[in-house]
Amino acid sequence: MHRAFLKTARPMKVFENSLLKWTRALEDSKSKNEKLEAEVEKVRAHAFNLSEKWSKLENRVFSLDKFISDEDIAFYTGFPPYVAFMATCTYLNPGESGKTSGIGISFNDS
């Protein structure tokens, strides 16, 4: 009877050791997961703050999109209508090759 007990006791001990090992691994994983979740929350909060700052700065940028009328264009640029201002900008735009679209003068040395 003693031998039978030893035969069942060894597998039980192996099982208990394995269970203890997996329990510790699970606890370690839970701890790491909690730390990562906290870090994700910090990153989300930081991203939200950056988004808020971006929105505030974007509202302060002086751009053509803010002009809503011909009077605004005339005040800031001296061009009476918006269409005349945009036509002039298109004409003077050097484009990707460095040449103006209207007069063919190159601003590149190549």
N, C-alpha and C. Protein backbone atom coordinates (compact mmCIF):
# COMPACT_ATOMS: atom_id res chain seq x y z
N MET A 1 0.81 -1.19 0.00
CA MET A 1 0.00 0.00 0.00
C MET A 1 0.86 1.26 0.00
N HIS A 2 1.97 1.20 0.64
CA HIS A 2 2.88 2.33 0.70
C HIS A 2 3.41 2.68 -0.69
N ARG A 3 3.73 1.66 -1.51
CA ARG A 3 4.23 1.90 -2.87
C ARG A 3 3.16 2.54 -3.75
N ALA A 4 1.94 2.14 -3.58
CA ALA A 4 0.85 2.71 -4.37
C ALA A 4 0.69 4.19 -4.05
N PHE A 5 0.84 4.52 -2.79
CA PHE A 5 0.74 5.92 -2.40
C PHE A 5 1.87 6.74 -3.01
N LEU A 6 3.09 6.20 -3.01
CA LEU A 6 4.22 6.90 -3.60
C LEU A 6 4.04 7.09 -5.10
N LYS A 7 3.46 6.09 -5.77
CA LYS A 7 3.24 6.21 -7.20
C LYS A 7 2.24 7.33 -7.52
N THR A 8 1.23 7.51 -6.69
CA THR A 8 0.26 8.58 -6.93
C THR A 8 0.74 9.90 -6.36
N ALA A 9 1.60 9.88 -5.38
CA ALA A 9 2.08 11.11 -4.75
C ALA A 9 3.04 11.86 -5.67
N ARG A 10 3.89 11.15 -6.40
CA ARG A 10 4.83 11.82 -7.29
C ARG A 10 4.12 12.58 -8.41
N PRO A 11 3.20 11.98 -9.12
CA PRO A 11 2.50 12.75 -10.15
C PRO A 11 1.73 13.92 -9.56
N MET A 12 1.21 13.72 -8.34
CA MET A 12 0.48 14.81 -7.70
C MET A 12 1.42 15.96 -7.38
N LYS A 13 2.63 15.66 -6.94
CA LYS A 13 3.62 16.70 -6.63
C LYS A 13 4.04 17.41 -7.91
N VAL A 14 4.22 16.69 -9.00
CA VAL A 14 4.58 17.27 -10.29
C VAL A 14 3.45 18.19 -10.75
N PHE A 15 2.22 17.71 -10.59
CA PHE A 15 1.06 18.53 -10.96
C PHE A 15 1.00 19.81 -10.12
N GLU A 16 1.22 19.69 -8.81
CA GLU A 16 1.20 20.86 -7.93
C GLU A 16 2.29 21.86 -8.30
N ASN A 17 3.48 21.36 -8.59
CA ASN A 17 4.58 22.24 -9.00
C ASN A 17 4.26 22.94 -10.32
N SER A 18 3.69 22.20 -11.26
CA SER A 18 3.31 22.79 -12.54
C SER A 18 2.22 23.83 -12.35
N LEU A 19 1.25 23.51 -11.51
CA LEU A 19 0.16 24.45 -11.23
C LEU A 19 0.70 25.71 -10.56
N LEU A 20 1.62 25.56 -9.64
CA LEU A 20 2.23 26.71 -8.97
C LEU A 20 3.01 27.56 -9.98
N LYS A 21 3.74 26.91 -10.87
CA LYS A 21 4.50 27.62 -11.90
C LYS A 21 3.56 28.42 -12.80
N TRP A 22 2.48 27.83 -13.26
CA TRP A 22 1.54 28.52 -14.14
C TRP A 22 0.76 29.61 -13.41
N THR A 23 0.50 29.41 -12.14
CA THR A 23 -0.16 30.44 -11.34
C THR A 23 0.74 31.67 -11.20
N ARG A 24 2.02 31.44 -10.96
CA ARG A 24 2.97 32.56 -10.87
C ARG A 24 3.08 33.29 -12.22
N ALA A 25 3.13 32.51 -13.30
CA ALA A 25 3.22 33.11 -14.64
C ALA A 25 1.97 33.94 -14.93
N LEU A 26 0.81 33.45 -14.52
CA LEU A 26 -0.43 34.19 -14.71
C LEU A 26 -0.42 35.48 -13.91
N GLU A 27 0.04 35.42 -12.68
CA GLU A 27 0.12 36.63 -11.85
C GLU A 27 1.10 37.64 -12.44
N ASP A 28 2.23 37.16 -12.94
CA ASP A 28 3.19 38.06 -13.60
C ASP A 28 2.56 38.72 -14.83
N SER A 29 1.84 37.92 -15.60
CA SER A 29 1.18 38.47 -16.79
C SER A 29 0.13 39.51 -16.43
N LYS A 30 -0.62 39.24 -15.38
CA LYS A 30 -1.63 40.20 -14.92
C LYS A 30 -0.96 41.51 -14.49
N SER A 31 0.14 41.39 -13.78
CA SER A 31 0.86 42.58 -13.33
C SER A 31 1.39 43.38 -14.51
N LYS A 32 1.99 42.71 -15.48
CA LYS A 32 2.49 43.38 -16.68
C LYS A 32 1.35 44.03 -17.45
N ASN A 33 0.22 43.34 -17.54
CA ASN A 33 -0.93 43.87 -18.25
C ASN A 33 -1.45 45.15 -17.58
N GLU A 34 -1.50 45.16 -16.25
CA GLU A 34 -1.95 46.35 -15.53
C GLU A 34 -1.00 47.52 -15.78
N LYS A 35 0.29 47.26 -15.80
CA LYS A 35 1.27 48.31 -16.07
C LYS A 35 1.10 48.85 -17.49
N LEU A 36 0.90 47.95 -18.44
CA LEU A 36 0.72 48.38 -19.83
C LEU A 36 -0.58 49.17 -20.00
N GLU A 37 -1.63 48.76 -19.32
CA GLU A 37 -2.89 49.50 -19.39
C GLU A 37 -2.73 50.91 -18.82
N ALA A 38 -1.98 51.04 -17.74
CA ALA A 38 -1.71 52.36 -17.16
C ALA A 38 -0.90 53.21 -18.13
N GLU A 39 0.06 52.59 -18.79
CA GLU A 39 0.88 53.32 -19.76
C GLU A 39 0.03 53.75 -20.97
N VAL A 40 -0.87 52.90 -21.42
CA VAL A 40 -1.76 53.24 -22.52
C VAL A 40 -2.62 54.44 -22.14
N GLU A 41 -3.11 54.46 -20.93
CA GLU A 41 -3.92 55.60 -20.47
C GLU A 41 -3.11 56.90 -20.47
N LYS A 42 -1.86 56.82 -20.06
CA LYS A 42 -0.99 58.00 -20.09
C LYS A 42 -0.80 58.49 -21.52
N VAL A 43 -0.57 57.56 -22.44
CA VAL A 43 -0.37 57.92 -23.84
C VAL A 43 -1.64 58.53 -24.41
N ARG A 44 -2.79 57.96 -24.08
CA ARG A 44 -4.07 58.51 -24.55
C ARG A 44 -4.27 59.93 -24.03
N ALA A 45 -3.97 60.14 -22.75
CA ALA A 45 -4.12 61.48 -22.18
C ALA A 45 -3.18 62.46 -22.86
N HIS A 46 -1.96 62.02 -23.13
CA HIS A 46 -0.99 62.88 -23.81
C HIS A 46 -1.46 63.21 -25.23
N ALA A 47 -1.97 62.21 -25.93
CA ALA A 47 -2.47 62.43 -27.29
C ALA A 47 -3.65 63.40 -27.27
N PHE A 48 -4.51 63.27 -26.29
CA PHE A 48 -5.65 64.19 -26.18
C PHE A 48 -5.15 65.62 -25.94
N ASN A 49 -4.17 65.77 -25.05
CA ASN A 49 -3.61 67.11 -24.78
C ASN A 49 -2.98 67.69 -26.03
N LEU A 50 -2.25 66.88 -26.78
CA LEU A 50 -1.64 67.37 -28.02
C LEU A 50 -2.70 67.76 -29.04
N SER A 51 -3.77 67.00 -29.09
CA SER A 51 -4.86 67.31 -30.00
C SER A 51 -5.51 68.65 -29.63
N GLU A 52 -5.68 68.88 -28.35
CA GLU A 52 -6.24 70.15 -27.88
C GLU A 52 -5.31 71.31 -28.23
N LYS A 53 -4.02 71.12 -28.01
CA LYS A 53 -3.06 72.17 -28.35
C LYS A 53 -3.06 72.44 -29.84
N TRP A 54 -3.11 71.37 -30.64
CA TRP A 54 -3.14 71.52 -32.09
C TRP A 54 -4.34 72.35 -32.52
N SER A 55 -5.50 72.05 -31.95
CA SER A 55 -6.71 72.78 -32.30
C SER A 55 -6.58 74.26 -31.96
N LYS A 56 -6.02 74.54 -30.79
CA LYS A 56 -5.85 75.94 -30.38
C LYS A 56 -4.88 76.67 -31.31
N LEU A 57 -3.78 76.00 -31.65
CA LEU A 57 -2.79 76.62 -32.54
C LEU A 57 -3.33 76.78 -33.95
N GLU A 58 -4.09 75.80 -34.39
CA GLU A 58 -4.64 75.85 -35.74
C GLU A 58 -5.58 77.05 -35.89
N ASN A 59 -6.28 77.39 -34.84
CA ASN A 59 -7.18 78.55 -34.88
C ASN A 59 -6.41 79.87 -34.95
N ARG A 60 -5.15 79.86 -34.54
CA ARG A 60 -4.35 81.09 -34.53
C ARG A 60 -3.58 81.31 -35.82
N VAL A 61 -3.55 80.31 -36.69
CA VAL A 61 -2.78 80.41 -37.93
C VAL A 61 -3.45 81.38 -38.90
N PHE A 62 -2.62 82.23 -39.48
CA PHE A 62 -3.11 83.17 -40.47
C PHE A 62 -3.03 82.49 -41.82
N SER A 63 -4.19 82.20 -42.42
CA SER A 63 -4.17 81.52 -43.71
C SER A 63 -5.29 82.04 -44.60
N LEU A 64 -5.17 81.73 -45.86
CA LEU A 64 -6.14 82.16 -46.85
C LEU A 64 -7.53 81.59 -46.56
N ASP A 65 -7.57 80.45 -45.92
CA ASP A 65 -8.86 79.83 -45.60
C ASP A 65 -9.71 80.69 -44.66
N LYS A 66 -9.08 81.58 -43.94
CA LYS A 66 -9.81 82.44 -43.01
C LYS A 66 -10.52 83.60 -43.71
N PHE A 67 -10.10 83.90 -44.93
CA PHE A 67 -10.75 84.99 -45.68
C PHE A 67 -12.11 84.51 -46.17
N ILE A 68 -13.16 85.22 -45.81
CA ILE A 68 -14.49 84.75 -46.19
C ILE A 68 -15.18 85.67 -47.20
N SER A 69 -14.56 86.78 -47.49
CA SER A 69 -15.23 87.71 -48.41
C SER A 69 -14.19 88.44 -49.26
N ASP A 70 -14.67 89.07 -50.33
CA ASP A 70 -13.79 89.88 -51.17
C ASP A 70 -13.23 91.06 -50.39
N GLU A 71 -13.99 91.56 -49.42
CA GLU A 71 -13.50 92.67 -48.59
C GLU A 71 -12.30 92.23 -47.75
N ASP A 72 -12.34 90.99 -47.24
CA ASP A 72 -11.19 90.47 -46.48
C ASP A 72 -9.96 90.37 -47.38
N ILE A 73 -10.14 89.83 -48.57
CA ILE A 73 -9.03 89.71 -49.52
C ILE A 73 -8.47 91.09 -49.84
N ALA A 74 -9.34 92.04 -50.09
CA ALA A 74 -8.89 93.40 -50.42
C ALA A 74 -8.14 94.01 -49.25
N PHE A 75 -8.61 93.78 -48.03
CA PHE A 75 -7.96 94.36 -46.85
C PHE A 75 -6.56 93.79 -46.66
N TYR A 76 -6.41 92.48 -46.75
CA TYR A 76 -5.13 91.84 -46.45
C TYR A 76 -4.16 91.79 -47.63
N THR A 77 -4.67 91.83 -48.86
CA THR A 77 -3.78 91.66 -50.01
C THR A 77 -3.75 92.84 -50.96
N GLY A 78 -4.78 93.65 -50.96
CA GLY A 78 -4.87 94.75 -51.90
C GLY A 78 -5.53 94.38 -53.20
N PHE A 79 -5.85 93.10 -53.38
CA PHE A 79 -6.57 92.66 -54.58
C PHE A 79 -8.07 92.82 -54.32
N PRO A 80 -8.78 93.42 -55.25
CA PRO A 80 -10.21 93.65 -55.00
C PRO A 80 -11.02 92.35 -54.87
N PRO A 81 -11.04 91.48 -55.86
CA PRO A 81 -11.81 90.25 -55.65
C PRO A 81 -10.88 89.06 -55.38
N TYR A 82 -11.44 88.05 -54.79
CA TYR A 82 -10.72 86.82 -54.49
C TYR A 82 -10.19 86.18 -55.77
N VAL A 83 -10.96 86.21 -56.82
CA VAL A 83 -10.59 85.58 -58.10
C VAL A 83 -9.30 86.22 -58.65
N ALA A 84 -9.16 87.53 -58.56
CA ALA A 84 -7.95 88.20 -59.05
C ALA A 84 -6.73 87.80 -58.22
N PHE A 85 -6.92 87.67 -56.92
CA PHE A 85 -5.83 87.25 -56.04
C PHE A 85 -5.38 85.84 -56.40
N MET A 86 -6.33 84.90 -56.55
CA MET A 86 -5.98 83.52 -56.87
C MET A 86 -5.36 83.40 -58.26
N ALA A 87 -5.82 84.18 -59.22
CA ALA A 87 -5.23 84.15 -60.56
C ALA A 87 -3.78 84.61 -60.51
N THR A 88 -3.49 85.63 -59.72
CA THR A 88 -2.12 86.12 -59.58
C THR A 88 -1.25 85.07 -58.89
N CYS A 89 -1.78 84.44 -57.85
CA CYS A 89 -1.02 83.39 -57.15
C CYS A 89 -0.72 82.22 -58.08
N THR A 90 -1.68 81.83 -58.88
CA THR A 90 -1.48 80.75 -59.84
C THR A 90 -0.42 81.12 -60.86
N TYR A 91 -0.47 82.34 -61.35
CA TYR A 91 0.49 82.81 -62.35
C TYR A 91 1.91 82.84 -61.79
N LEU A 92 2.06 83.27 -60.55
CA LEU A 92 3.39 83.40 -59.95
C LEU A 92 3.91 82.12 -59.30
N ASN A 93 3.09 81.11 -59.19
CA ASN A 93 3.49 79.86 -58.55
C ASN A 93 4.62 79.22 -59.34
N PRO A 94 5.79 78.97 -58.70
CA PRO A 94 6.91 78.39 -59.42
C PRO A 94 6.71 76.90 -59.75
N GLY A 95 5.74 76.24 -59.15
CA GLY A 95 5.49 74.83 -59.45
C GLY A 95 6.60 73.94 -58.94
N GLU A 96 6.50 72.68 -59.28
CA GLU A 96 7.48 71.71 -58.80
C GLU A 96 8.81 71.81 -59.53
N SER A 97 8.82 72.24 -60.77
CA SER A 97 10.06 72.31 -61.53
C SER A 97 10.81 73.62 -61.30
N GLY A 98 10.19 74.55 -60.56
CA GLY A 98 10.86 75.81 -60.28
C GLY A 98 10.62 76.86 -61.34
N LYS A 99 9.72 76.59 -62.24
CA LYS A 99 9.41 77.56 -63.28
C LYS A 99 8.02 78.12 -63.03
N THR A 100 7.84 79.39 -63.33
CA THR A 100 6.50 79.95 -63.21
C THR A 100 5.66 79.43 -64.34
N SER A 101 4.38 79.27 -64.11
CA SER A 101 3.52 78.69 -65.13
C SER A 101 3.25 79.67 -66.26
N GLY A 102 3.39 80.97 -66.01
CA GLY A 102 3.01 81.94 -67.03
C GLY A 102 4.14 82.49 -67.84
N ILE A 103 5.29 82.75 -67.24
CA ILE A 103 6.32 83.46 -67.99
C ILE A 103 7.54 82.61 -68.31
N GLY A 104 7.63 81.42 -67.79
CA GLY A 104 8.70 80.49 -68.16
C GLY A 104 10.07 80.83 -67.63
N ILE A 105 10.20 81.63 -66.60
CA ILE A 105 11.49 81.96 -66.01
C ILE A 105 11.83 80.90 -64.98
N SER A 106 13.02 80.36 -65.06
CA SER A 106 13.45 79.33 -64.12
C SER A 106 14.12 79.97 -62.93
N PHE A 107 13.79 79.49 -61.74
CA PHE A 107 14.43 79.96 -60.52
C PHE A 107 15.48 78.97 -60.04
N ASN A 108 15.67 77.89 -60.78
CA ASN A 108 16.68 76.89 -60.45
C ASN A 108 17.91 77.11 -61.31
N ASP A 109 19.06 76.66 -60.80
CA ASP A 109 20.31 76.79 -61.59
C ASP A 109 20.43 75.68 -62.61
N SER A 110 19.66 74.64 -62.51
CA SER A 110 19.82 73.49 -63.41
C SER A 110 19.18 73.70 -64.75
